[in-house]
mmCIF file of all heavy atoms, coordinates in Angstrom:
data_MODEL
# 
_entry.id   MODEL 
# 
loop_
_atom_site.group_PDB 
_atom_site.id 
_atom_site.type_symbol 
_atom_site.label_atom_id 
_atom_site.label_alt_id 
_atom_site.label_comp_id 
_atom_site.label_asym_id 
_atom_site.label_entity_id 
_atom_site.label_seq_id 
_atom_site.pdbx_PDB_ins_code 
_atom_site.Cartn_x 
_atom_site.Cartn_y 
_atom_site.Cartn_z 
_atom_site.occupancy 
_atom_site.B_iso_or_equiv 
_atom_site.pdbx_formal_charge 
_atom_site.auth_seq_id 
_atom_site.auth_comp_id 
_atom_site.auth_asym_id 
_atom_site.auth_atom_id 
_atom_site.pdbx_PDB_model_num 
ATOM 1   N N   . HIS A 1 1  ? -2.193  4.451   8.754  1.00 0.00 ? 1  HIS A N   1 
ATOM 2   C CA  . HIS A 1 1  ? -3.027  3.529   9.570  1.00 0.00 ? 1  HIS A CA  1 
ATOM 3   C C   . HIS A 1 1  ? -4.475  3.592   9.275  1.00 0.00 ? 1  HIS A C   1 
ATOM 4   O O   . HIS A 1 1  ? -5.228  2.992   10.040 1.00 0.00 ? 1  HIS A O   1 
ATOM 5   C CB  . HIS A 1 1  ? -2.697  3.744   11.065 1.00 0.00 ? 1  HIS A CB  1 
ATOM 6   C CG  . HIS A 1 1  ? -1.281  3.695   11.471 1.00 0.00 ? 1  HIS A CG  1 
ATOM 7   N ND1 . HIS A 1 1  ? -0.517  2.517   11.470 1.00 0.00 ? 1  HIS A ND1 1 
ATOM 8   C CD2 . HIS A 1 1  ? -0.424  4.717   11.857 1.00 0.00 ? 1  HIS A CD2 1 
ATOM 9   C CE1 . HIS A 1 1  ? 0.640   2.738   11.934 1.00 0.00 ? 1  HIS A CE1 1 
ATOM 10  N NE2 . HIS A 1 1  ? 0.749   4.084   12.157 1.00 0.00 ? 1  HIS A NE2 1 
ATOM 11  N N   . GLN A 1 2  ? -4.852  4.242   8.133  1.00 0.00 ? 2  GLN A N   1 
ATOM 12  C CA  . GLN A 1 2  ? -6.215  4.138   7.732  1.00 0.00 ? 2  GLN A CA  1 
ATOM 13  C C   . GLN A 1 2  ? -6.326  3.463   6.394  1.00 0.00 ? 2  GLN A C   1 
ATOM 14  O O   . GLN A 1 2  ? -5.633  3.664   5.417  1.00 0.00 ? 2  GLN A O   1 
ATOM 15  C CB  . GLN A 1 2  ? -6.766  5.611   7.575  1.00 0.00 ? 2  GLN A CB  1 
ATOM 16  C CG  . GLN A 1 2  ? -6.759  6.365   8.948  1.00 0.00 ? 2  GLN A CG  1 
ATOM 17  C CD  . GLN A 1 2  ? -7.360  7.768   8.911  1.00 0.00 ? 2  GLN A CD  1 
ATOM 18  O OE1 . GLN A 1 2  ? -7.120  8.438   7.937  1.00 0.00 ? 2  GLN A OE1 1 
ATOM 19  N NE2 . GLN A 1 2  ? -8.167  8.081   9.848  1.00 0.00 ? 2  GLN A NE2 1 
ATOM 20  N N   . LYS A 1 3  ? -7.428  2.556   6.340  1.00 0.00 ? 3  LYS A N   1 
ATOM 21  C CA  . LYS A 1 3  ? -7.512  1.678   5.195  1.00 0.00 ? 3  LYS A CA  1 
ATOM 22  C C   . LYS A 1 3  ? -8.051  2.336   3.897  1.00 0.00 ? 3  LYS A C   1 
ATOM 23  O O   . LYS A 1 3  ? -8.807  3.264   3.997  1.00 0.00 ? 3  LYS A O   1 
ATOM 24  C CB  . LYS A 1 3  ? -8.448  0.530   5.536  1.00 0.00 ? 3  LYS A CB  1 
ATOM 25  C CG  . LYS A 1 3  ? -8.045  -0.185  6.895  1.00 0.00 ? 3  LYS A CG  1 
ATOM 26  C CD  . LYS A 1 3  ? -9.186  -0.899  7.517  1.00 0.00 ? 3  LYS A CD  1 
ATOM 27  C CE  . LYS A 1 3  ? -8.839  -1.361  8.848  1.00 0.00 ? 3  LYS A CE  1 
ATOM 28  N NZ  . LYS A 1 3  ? -9.988  -1.969  9.607  1.00 0.00 ? 3  LYS A NZ  1 
ATOM 29  N N   . LEU A 1 4  ? -7.531  1.822   2.789  1.00 0.00 ? 4  LEU A N   1 
ATOM 30  C CA  . LEU A 1 4  ? -7.958  2.299   1.506  1.00 0.00 ? 4  LEU A CA  1 
ATOM 31  C C   . LEU A 1 4  ? -8.600  1.205   0.662  1.00 0.00 ? 4  LEU A C   1 
ATOM 32  O O   . LEU A 1 4  ? -9.535  1.482   -0.176 1.00 0.00 ? 4  LEU A O   1 
ATOM 33  C CB  . LEU A 1 4  ? -6.850  2.932   0.772  1.00 0.00 ? 4  LEU A CB  1 
ATOM 34  C CG  . LEU A 1 4  ? -6.299  4.301   1.195  1.00 0.00 ? 4  LEU A CG  1 
ATOM 35  C CD1 . LEU A 1 4  ? -5.101  4.769   0.379  1.00 0.00 ? 4  LEU A CD1 1 
ATOM 36  C CD2 . LEU A 1 4  ? -7.411  5.323   1.128  1.00 0.00 ? 4  LEU A CD2 1 
ATOM 37  N N   . VAL A 1 5  ? -8.047  -0.026  0.692  1.00 0.00 ? 5  VAL A N   1 
ATOM 38  C CA  . VAL A 1 5  ? -8.595  -1.119  -0.001 1.00 0.00 ? 5  VAL A CA  1 
ATOM 39  C C   . VAL A 1 5  ? -8.757  -2.266  0.903  1.00 0.00 ? 5  VAL A C   1 
ATOM 40  O O   . VAL A 1 5  ? -7.917  -2.634  1.734  1.00 0.00 ? 5  VAL A O   1 
ATOM 41  C CB  . VAL A 1 5  ? -7.635  -1.486  -1.159 1.00 0.00 ? 5  VAL A CB  1 
ATOM 42  C CG1 . VAL A 1 5  ? -8.202  -2.733  -1.929 1.00 0.00 ? 5  VAL A CG1 1 
ATOM 43  C CG2 . VAL A 1 5  ? -7.424  -0.405  -2.077 1.00 0.00 ? 5  VAL A CG2 1 
ATOM 44  N N   . GLU A 1 6  ? -9.982  -2.925  0.824  1.00 0.00 ? 6  GLU A N   1 
ATOM 45  C CA  . GLU A 1 6  ? -10.249 -4.134  1.635  1.00 0.00 ? 6  GLU A CA  1 
ATOM 46  C C   . GLU A 1 6  ? -10.718 -5.244  0.779  1.00 0.00 ? 6  GLU A C   1 
ATOM 47  O O   . GLU A 1 6  ? -11.332 -5.062  -0.344 1.00 0.00 ? 6  GLU A O   1 
ATOM 48  C CB  . GLU A 1 6  ? -11.348 -3.684  2.699  1.00 0.00 ? 6  GLU A CB  1 
ATOM 49  C CG  . GLU A 1 6  ? -10.959 -2.707  3.646  1.00 0.00 ? 6  GLU A CG  1 
ATOM 50  C CD  . GLU A 1 6  ? -11.478 -1.314  3.374  1.00 0.00 ? 6  GLU A CD  1 
ATOM 51  O OE1 . GLU A 1 6  ? -12.139 -1.127  2.312  1.00 0.00 ? 6  GLU A OE1 1 
ATOM 52  O OE2 . GLU A 1 6  ? -11.326 -0.335  4.107  1.00 0.00 ? 6  GLU A OE2 1 
ATOM 53  N N   . GLU A 1 7  ? -10.559 -6.439  1.215  1.00 0.00 ? 7  GLU A N   1 
ATOM 54  C CA  . GLU A 1 7  ? -10.748 -7.673  0.448  1.00 0.00 ? 7  GLU A CA  1 
ATOM 55  C C   . GLU A 1 7  ? -11.289 -8.776  1.321  1.00 0.00 ? 7  GLU A C   1 
ATOM 56  O O   . GLU A 1 7  ? -10.839 -9.011  2.500  1.00 0.00 ? 7  GLU A O   1 
ATOM 57  C CB  . GLU A 1 7  ? -9.548  -8.032  -0.250 1.00 0.00 ? 7  GLU A CB  1 
ATOM 58  C CG  . GLU A 1 7  ? -9.587  -9.273  -1.078 1.00 0.00 ? 7  GLU A CG  1 
ATOM 59  C CD  . GLU A 1 7  ? -8.306  -9.594  -1.856 1.00 0.00 ? 7  GLU A CD  1 
ATOM 60  O OE1 . GLU A 1 7  ? -7.274  -8.774  -1.718 1.00 0.00 ? 7  GLU A OE1 1 
ATOM 61  O OE2 . GLU A 1 7  ? -8.225  -10.630 -2.569 1.00 0.00 ? 7  GLU A OE2 1 
ATOM 62  N N   . ALA A 1 8  ? -12.205 -9.545  0.893  1.00 0.00 ? 8  ALA A N   1 
ATOM 63  C CA  . ALA A 1 8  ? -12.791 -10.720 1.588  1.00 0.00 ? 8  ALA A CA  1 
ATOM 64  C C   . ALA A 1 8  ? -12.927 -11.801 0.559  1.00 0.00 ? 8  ALA A C   1 
ATOM 65  O O   . ALA A 1 8  ? -13.376 -11.633 -0.603 1.00 0.00 ? 8  ALA A O   1 
ATOM 66  C CB  . ALA A 1 8  ? -14.098 -10.456 2.233  1.00 0.00 ? 8  ALA A CB  1 
ATOM 67  N N   . PRO A 1 9  ? -12.455 -13.052 0.943  1.00 0.00 ? 9  PRO A N   1 
ATOM 68  C CA  . PRO A 1 9  ? -11.758 -13.383 2.080  1.00 0.00 ? 9  PRO A CA  1 
ATOM 69  C C   . PRO A 1 9  ? -10.223 -12.883 1.967  1.00 0.00 ? 9  PRO A C   1 
ATOM 70  O O   . PRO A 1 9  ? -9.809  -12.538 0.891  1.00 0.00 ? 9  PRO A O   1 
ATOM 71  C CB  . PRO A 1 9  ? -11.810 -14.909 2.175  1.00 0.00 ? 9  PRO A CB  1 
ATOM 72  C CG  . PRO A 1 9  ? -11.910 -15.247 0.788  1.00 0.00 ? 9  PRO A CG  1 
ATOM 73  C CD  . PRO A 1 9  ? -12.800 -14.243 0.055  1.00 0.00 ? 9  PRO A CD  1 
ATOM 74  N N   . ALA A 1 10 ? -9.581  -12.909 3.093  1.00 0.00 ? 10 ALA A N   1 
ATOM 75  C CA  . ALA A 1 10 ? -8.137  -12.506 3.129  1.00 0.00 ? 10 ALA A CA  1 
ATOM 76  C C   . ALA A 1 10 ? -7.489  -13.577 2.211  1.00 0.00 ? 10 ALA A C   1 
ATOM 77  O O   . ALA A 1 10 ? -7.534  -14.706 2.469  1.00 0.00 ? 10 ALA A O   1 
ATOM 78  C CB  . ALA A 1 10 ? -7.587  -12.604 4.500  1.00 0.00 ? 10 ALA A CB  1 
ATOM 79  N N   . PRO A 1 11 ? -6.681  -13.068 1.165  1.00 0.00 ? 11 PRO A N   1 
ATOM 80  C CA  . PRO A 1 11 ? -6.170  -13.998 0.122  1.00 0.00 ? 11 PRO A CA  1 
ATOM 81  C C   . PRO A 1 11 ? -4.905  -14.732 0.587  1.00 0.00 ? 11 PRO A C   1 
ATOM 82  O O   . PRO A 1 11 ? -4.199  -14.215 1.456  1.00 0.00 ? 11 PRO A O   1 
ATOM 83  C CB  . PRO A 1 11 ? -5.879  -13.045 -1.001 1.00 0.00 ? 11 PRO A CB  1 
ATOM 84  C CG  . PRO A 1 11 ? -5.518  -11.776 -0.350 1.00 0.00 ? 11 PRO A CG  1 
ATOM 85  C CD  . PRO A 1 11 ? -6.546  -11.661 0.781  1.00 0.00 ? 11 PRO A CD  1 
ATOM 86  N N   . ALA A 1 12 ? -4.579  -15.797 -0.119 1.00 0.00 ? 12 ALA A N   1 
ATOM 87  C CA  . ALA A 1 12 ? -3.337  -16.489 -0.002 1.00 0.00 ? 12 ALA A CA  1 
ATOM 88  C C   . ALA A 1 12 ? -3.012  -16.968 1.496  1.00 0.00 ? 12 ALA A C   1 
ATOM 89  O O   . ALA A 1 12 ? -1.861  -16.990 1.806  1.00 0.00 ? 12 ALA A O   1 
ATOM 90  C CB  . ALA A 1 12 ? -2.206  -15.693 -0.508 1.00 0.00 ? 12 ALA A CB  1 
ATOM 91  N N   . LEU A 1 13 ? -4.114  -17.397 2.266  1.00 0.00 ? 13 LEU A N   1 
ATOM 92  C CA  . LEU A 1 13 ? -3.817  -17.890 3.512  1.00 0.00 ? 13 LEU A CA  1 
ATOM 93  C C   . LEU A 1 13 ? -4.274  -19.342 3.573  1.00 0.00 ? 13 LEU A C   1 
ATOM 94  O O   . LEU A 1 13 ? -5.405  -19.619 3.036  1.00 0.00 ? 13 LEU A O   1 
ATOM 95  C CB  . LEU A 1 13 ? -4.533  -17.065 4.592  1.00 0.00 ? 13 LEU A CB  1 
ATOM 96  C CG  . LEU A 1 13 ? -4.072  -15.605 4.860  1.00 0.00 ? 13 LEU A CG  1 
ATOM 97  C CD1 . LEU A 1 13 ? -4.889  -14.943 6.002  1.00 0.00 ? 13 LEU A CD1 1 
ATOM 98  C CD2 . LEU A 1 13 ? -2.626  -15.659 5.233  1.00 0.00 ? 13 LEU A CD2 1 
ATOM 99  N N   . PRO A 1 14 ? -3.516  -20.189 4.175  1.00 0.00 ? 14 PRO A N   1 
ATOM 100 C CA  . PRO A 1 14 ? -3.992  -21.569 4.315  1.00 0.00 ? 14 PRO A CA  1 
ATOM 101 C C   . PRO A 1 14 ? -5.263  -21.709 4.970  1.00 0.00 ? 14 PRO A C   1 
ATOM 102 O O   . PRO A 1 14 ? -5.562  -20.931 5.880  1.00 0.00 ? 14 PRO A O   1 
ATOM 103 C CB  . PRO A 1 14 ? -2.809  -22.252 4.997  1.00 0.00 ? 14 PRO A CB  1 
ATOM 104 C CG  . PRO A 1 14 ? -1.665  -21.365 4.801  1.00 0.00 ? 14 PRO A CG  1 
ATOM 105 C CD  . PRO A 1 14 ? -2.180  -19.987 4.718  1.00 0.00 ? 14 PRO A CD  1 
ATOM 106 N N   . ALA A 1 15 ? -6.073  -22.736 4.694  1.00 0.00 ? 15 ALA A N   1 
ATOM 107 C CA  . ALA A 1 15 ? -7.379  -22.893 5.261  1.00 0.00 ? 15 ALA A CA  1 
ATOM 108 C C   . ALA A 1 15 ? -7.242  -23.057 6.760  1.00 0.00 ? 15 ALA A C   1 
ATOM 109 O O   . ALA A 1 15 ? -8.163  -22.563 7.552  1.00 0.00 ? 15 ALA A O   1 
ATOM 110 C CB  . ALA A 1 15 ? -8.105  -24.129 4.723  1.00 0.00 ? 15 ALA A CB  1 
ATOM 111 N N   . ASP A 1 16 ? -6.216  -23.603 7.227  1.00 0.00 ? 16 ASP A N   1 
ATOM 112 C CA  . ASP A 1 16 ? -6.136  -23.914 8.766  1.00 0.00 ? 16 ASP A CA  1 
ATOM 113 C C   . ASP A 1 16 ? -5.857  -22.557 9.440  1.00 0.00 ? 16 ASP A C   1 
ATOM 114 O O   . ASP A 1 16 ? -6.246  -22.347 10.576 1.00 0.00 ? 16 ASP A O   1 
ATOM 115 C CB  . ASP A 1 16 ? -5.031  -24.920 9.055  1.00 0.00 ? 16 ASP A CB  1 
ATOM 116 C CG  . ASP A 1 16 ? -3.659  -24.540 8.609  1.00 0.00 ? 16 ASP A CG  1 
ATOM 117 O OD1 . ASP A 1 16 ? -3.543  -23.872 7.519  1.00 0.00 ? 16 ASP A OD1 1 
ATOM 118 O OD2 . ASP A 1 16 ? -2.650  -24.876 9.219  1.00 0.00 ? 16 ASP A OD2 1 
ATOM 119 N N   . VAL A 1 17 ? -5.048  -21.684 8.723  1.00 0.00 ? 17 VAL A N   1 
ATOM 120 C CA  . VAL A 1 17 ? -4.790  -20.413 9.383  1.00 0.00 ? 17 VAL A CA  1 
ATOM 121 C C   . VAL A 1 17 ? -6.122  -19.567 9.428  1.00 0.00 ? 17 VAL A C   1 
ATOM 122 O O   . VAL A 1 17 ? -6.507  -18.926 10.484 1.00 0.00 ? 17 VAL A O   1 
ATOM 123 C CB  . VAL A 1 17 ? -3.736  -19.585 8.577  1.00 0.00 ? 17 VAL A CB  1 
ATOM 124 C CG1 . VAL A 1 17 ? -3.537  -18.176 9.098  1.00 0.00 ? 17 VAL A CG1 1 
ATOM 125 C CG2 . VAL A 1 17 ? -2.409  -20.330 8.685  1.00 0.00 ? 17 VAL A CG2 1 
ATOM 126 N N   . LEU A 1 18 ? -6.874  -19.473 8.333  1.00 0.00 ? 18 LEU A N   1 
ATOM 127 C CA  . LEU A 1 18 ? -8.172  -18.889 8.372  1.00 0.00 ? 18 LEU A CA  1 
ATOM 128 C C   . LEU A 1 18 ? -9.130  -19.443 9.411  1.00 0.00 ? 18 LEU A C   1 
ATOM 129 O O   . LEU A 1 18 ? -9.717  -18.661 10.164 1.00 0.00 ? 18 LEU A O   1 
ATOM 130 C CB  . LEU A 1 18 ? -8.841  -18.964 6.978  1.00 0.00 ? 18 LEU A CB  1 
ATOM 131 C CG  . LEU A 1 18 ? -8.164  -18.050 5.905  1.00 0.00 ? 18 LEU A CG  1 
ATOM 132 C CD1 . LEU A 1 18 ? -8.775  -18.496 4.502  1.00 0.00 ? 18 LEU A CD1 1 
ATOM 133 C CD2 . LEU A 1 18 ? -8.314  -16.684 6.137  1.00 0.00 ? 18 LEU A CD2 1 
ATOM 134 N N   . ALA A 1 19 ? -9.176  -20.757 9.581  1.00 0.00 ? 19 ALA A N   1 
ATOM 135 C CA  . ALA A 1 19 ? -10.012 -21.414 10.601 1.00 0.00 ? 19 ALA A CA  1 
ATOM 136 C C   . ALA A 1 19 ? -9.575  -20.981 11.946 1.00 0.00 ? 19 ALA A C   1 
ATOM 137 O O   . ALA A 1 19 ? -10.374 -20.737 12.821 1.00 0.00 ? 19 ALA A O   1 
ATOM 138 C CB  . ALA A 1 19 ? -9.989  -22.843 10.311 1.00 0.00 ? 19 ALA A CB  1 
ATOM 139 N N   . ASN A 1 20 ? -8.172  -20.957 12.139 1.00 0.00 ? 20 ASN A N   1 
ATOM 140 C CA  . ASN A 1 20 ? -7.687  -20.595 13.458 1.00 0.00 ? 20 ASN A CA  1 
ATOM 141 C C   . ASN A 1 20 ? -7.941  -19.153 13.814 1.00 0.00 ? 20 ASN A C   1 
ATOM 142 O O   . ASN A 1 20 ? -8.271  -18.864 14.966 1.00 0.00 ? 20 ASN A O   1 
ATOM 143 C CB  . ASN A 1 20 ? -6.178  -20.884 13.496 1.00 0.00 ? 20 ASN A CB  1 
ATOM 144 C CG  . ASN A 1 20 ? -5.617  -21.012 14.933 1.00 0.00 ? 20 ASN A CG  1 
ATOM 145 O OD1 . ASN A 1 20 ? -6.366  -21.161 15.908 1.00 0.00 ? 20 ASN A OD1 1 
ATOM 146 N ND2 . ASN A 1 20 ? -4.241  -20.956 15.020 1.00 0.00 ? 20 ASN A ND2 1 
ATOM 147 N N   . LEU A 1 21 ? -7.831  -18.265 12.890 1.00 0.00 ? 21 LEU A N   1 
ATOM 148 C CA  . LEU A 1 21 ? -8.171  -16.845 13.166 1.00 0.00 ? 21 LEU A CA  1 
ATOM 149 C C   . LEU A 1 21 ? -9.628  -16.746 13.526 1.00 0.00 ? 21 LEU A C   1 
ATOM 150 O O   . LEU A 1 21 ? -10.030 -15.963 14.443 1.00 0.00 ? 21 LEU A O   1 
ATOM 151 C CB  . LEU A 1 21 ? -7.888  -16.009 11.882 1.00 0.00 ? 21 LEU A CB  1 
ATOM 152 C CG  . LEU A 1 21 ? -6.513  -15.517 11.543 1.00 0.00 ? 21 LEU A CG  1 
ATOM 153 C CD1 . LEU A 1 21 ? -6.321  -15.176 10.131 1.00 0.00 ? 21 LEU A CD1 1 
ATOM 154 C CD2 . LEU A 1 21 ? -6.075  -14.461 12.494 1.00 0.00 ? 21 LEU A CD2 1 
ATOM 155 N N   . GLY A 1 22 ? -10.546 -17.363 12.815 1.00 0.00 ? 22 GLY A N   1 
ATOM 156 C CA  . GLY A 1 22 ? -11.972 -17.361 13.106 1.00 0.00 ? 22 GLY A CA  1 
ATOM 157 C C   . GLY A 1 22 ? -12.213 -17.862 14.487 1.00 0.00 ? 22 GLY A C   1 
ATOM 158 O O   . GLY A 1 22 ? -12.973 -17.223 15.269 1.00 0.00 ? 22 GLY A O   1 
ATOM 159 N N   . ALA A 1 23 ? -11.576 -18.968 14.844 1.00 0.00 ? 23 ALA A N   1 
ATOM 160 C CA  . ALA A 1 23 ? -11.789 -19.626 16.143 1.00 0.00 ? 23 ALA A CA  1 
ATOM 161 C C   . ALA A 1 23 ? -11.279 -18.737 17.267 1.00 0.00 ? 23 ALA A C   1 
ATOM 162 O O   . ALA A 1 23 ? -11.982 -18.598 18.322 1.00 0.00 ? 23 ALA A O   1 
ATOM 163 C CB  . ALA A 1 23 ? -11.146 -20.972 16.193 1.00 0.00 ? 23 ALA A CB  1 
ATOM 164 N N   . MET A 1 24 ? -10.176 -17.990 17.046 1.00 0.00 ? 24 MET A N   1 
ATOM 165 C CA  . MET A 1 24 ? -9.692  -17.131 18.088 1.00 0.00 ? 24 MET A CA  1 
ATOM 166 C C   . MET A 1 24 ? -10.620 -15.947 18.320 1.00 0.00 ? 24 MET A C   1 
ATOM 167 O O   . MET A 1 24 ? -10.776 -15.573 19.435 1.00 0.00 ? 24 MET A O   1 
ATOM 168 C CB  . MET A 1 24 ? -8.252  -16.657 17.658 1.00 0.00 ? 24 MET A CB  1 
ATOM 169 C CG  . MET A 1 24 ? -7.155  -17.736 17.731 1.00 0.00 ? 24 MET A CG  1 
ATOM 170 S SD  . MET A 1 24 ? -6.719  -18.131 19.428 1.00 0.00 ? 24 MET A SD  1 
ATOM 171 C CE  . MET A 1 24 ? -5.530  -19.347 19.189 1.00 0.00 ? 24 MET A CE  1 
ATOM 172 N N   . ALA A 1 25 ? -11.110 -15.399 17.219 1.00 0.00 ? 25 ALA A N   1 
ATOM 173 C CA  . ALA A 1 25 ? -12.092 -14.243 17.308 1.00 0.00 ? 25 ALA A CA  1 
ATOM 174 C C   . ALA A 1 25 ? -13.277 -14.688 18.159 1.00 0.00 ? 25 ALA A C   1 
ATOM 175 O O   . ALA A 1 25 ? -13.766 -13.953 18.962 1.00 0.00 ? 25 ALA A O   1 
ATOM 176 C CB  . ALA A 1 25 ? -12.391 -13.756 15.967 1.00 0.00 ? 25 ALA A CB  1 
ATOM 177 N N   . VAL A 1 26 ? -13.773 -15.874 17.792 1.00 0.00 ? 26 VAL A N   1 
ATOM 178 C CA  . VAL A 1 26 ? -14.963 -16.356 18.545 1.00 0.00 ? 26 VAL A CA  1 
ATOM 179 C C   . VAL A 1 26 ? -14.674 -16.542 19.996 1.00 0.00 ? 26 VAL A C   1 
ATOM 180 O O   . VAL A 1 26 ? -15.449 -16.186 20.906 1.00 0.00 ? 26 VAL A O   1 
ATOM 181 C CB  . VAL A 1 26 ? -15.536 -17.625 17.932 1.00 0.00 ? 26 VAL A CB  1 
ATOM 182 C CG1 . VAL A 1 26 ? -16.589 -18.296 18.775 1.00 0.00 ? 26 VAL A CG1 1 
ATOM 183 C CG2 . VAL A 1 26 ? -16.122 -17.362 16.539 1.00 0.00 ? 26 VAL A CG2 1 
ATOM 184 N N   . ARG A 1 27 ? -13.499 -17.194 20.219 1.00 0.00 ? 27 ARG A N   1 
ATOM 185 C CA  . ARG A 1 27 ? -13.133 -17.336 21.636 1.00 0.00 ? 27 ARG A CA  1 
ATOM 186 C C   . ARG A 1 27 ? -12.954 -16.030 22.419 1.00 0.00 ? 27 ARG A C   1 
ATOM 187 O O   . ARG A 1 27 ? -13.430 -15.862 23.563 1.00 0.00 ? 27 ARG A O   1 
ATOM 188 C CB  . ARG A 1 27 ? -11.741 -18.077 21.673 1.00 0.00 ? 27 ARG A CB  1 
ATOM 189 C CG  . ARG A 1 27 ? -11.276 -18.405 23.051 1.00 0.00 ? 27 ARG A CG  1 
ATOM 190 C CD  . ARG A 1 27 ? -9.818  -18.974 23.083 1.00 0.00 ? 27 ARG A CD  1 
ATOM 191 N NE  . ARG A 1 27 ? -9.782  -20.210 22.403 1.00 0.00 ? 27 ARG A NE  1 
ATOM 192 C CZ  . ARG A 1 27 ? -8.570  -20.803 22.118 1.00 0.00 ? 27 ARG A CZ  1 
ATOM 193 N NH1 . ARG A 1 27 ? -7.431  -20.349 22.605 1.00 0.00 ? 27 ARG A NH1 1 
ATOM 194 N NH2 . ARG A 1 27 ? -8.605  -21.968 21.483 1.00 0.00 ? 27 ARG A NH2 1 
# 
């Protein structure tokens, strides 16, 4: 449960999913 590799942006996700994740975090 401890991270070794990190990446930005999260790959292979549709634009609407990324936008929804961001909107949920802001909310």
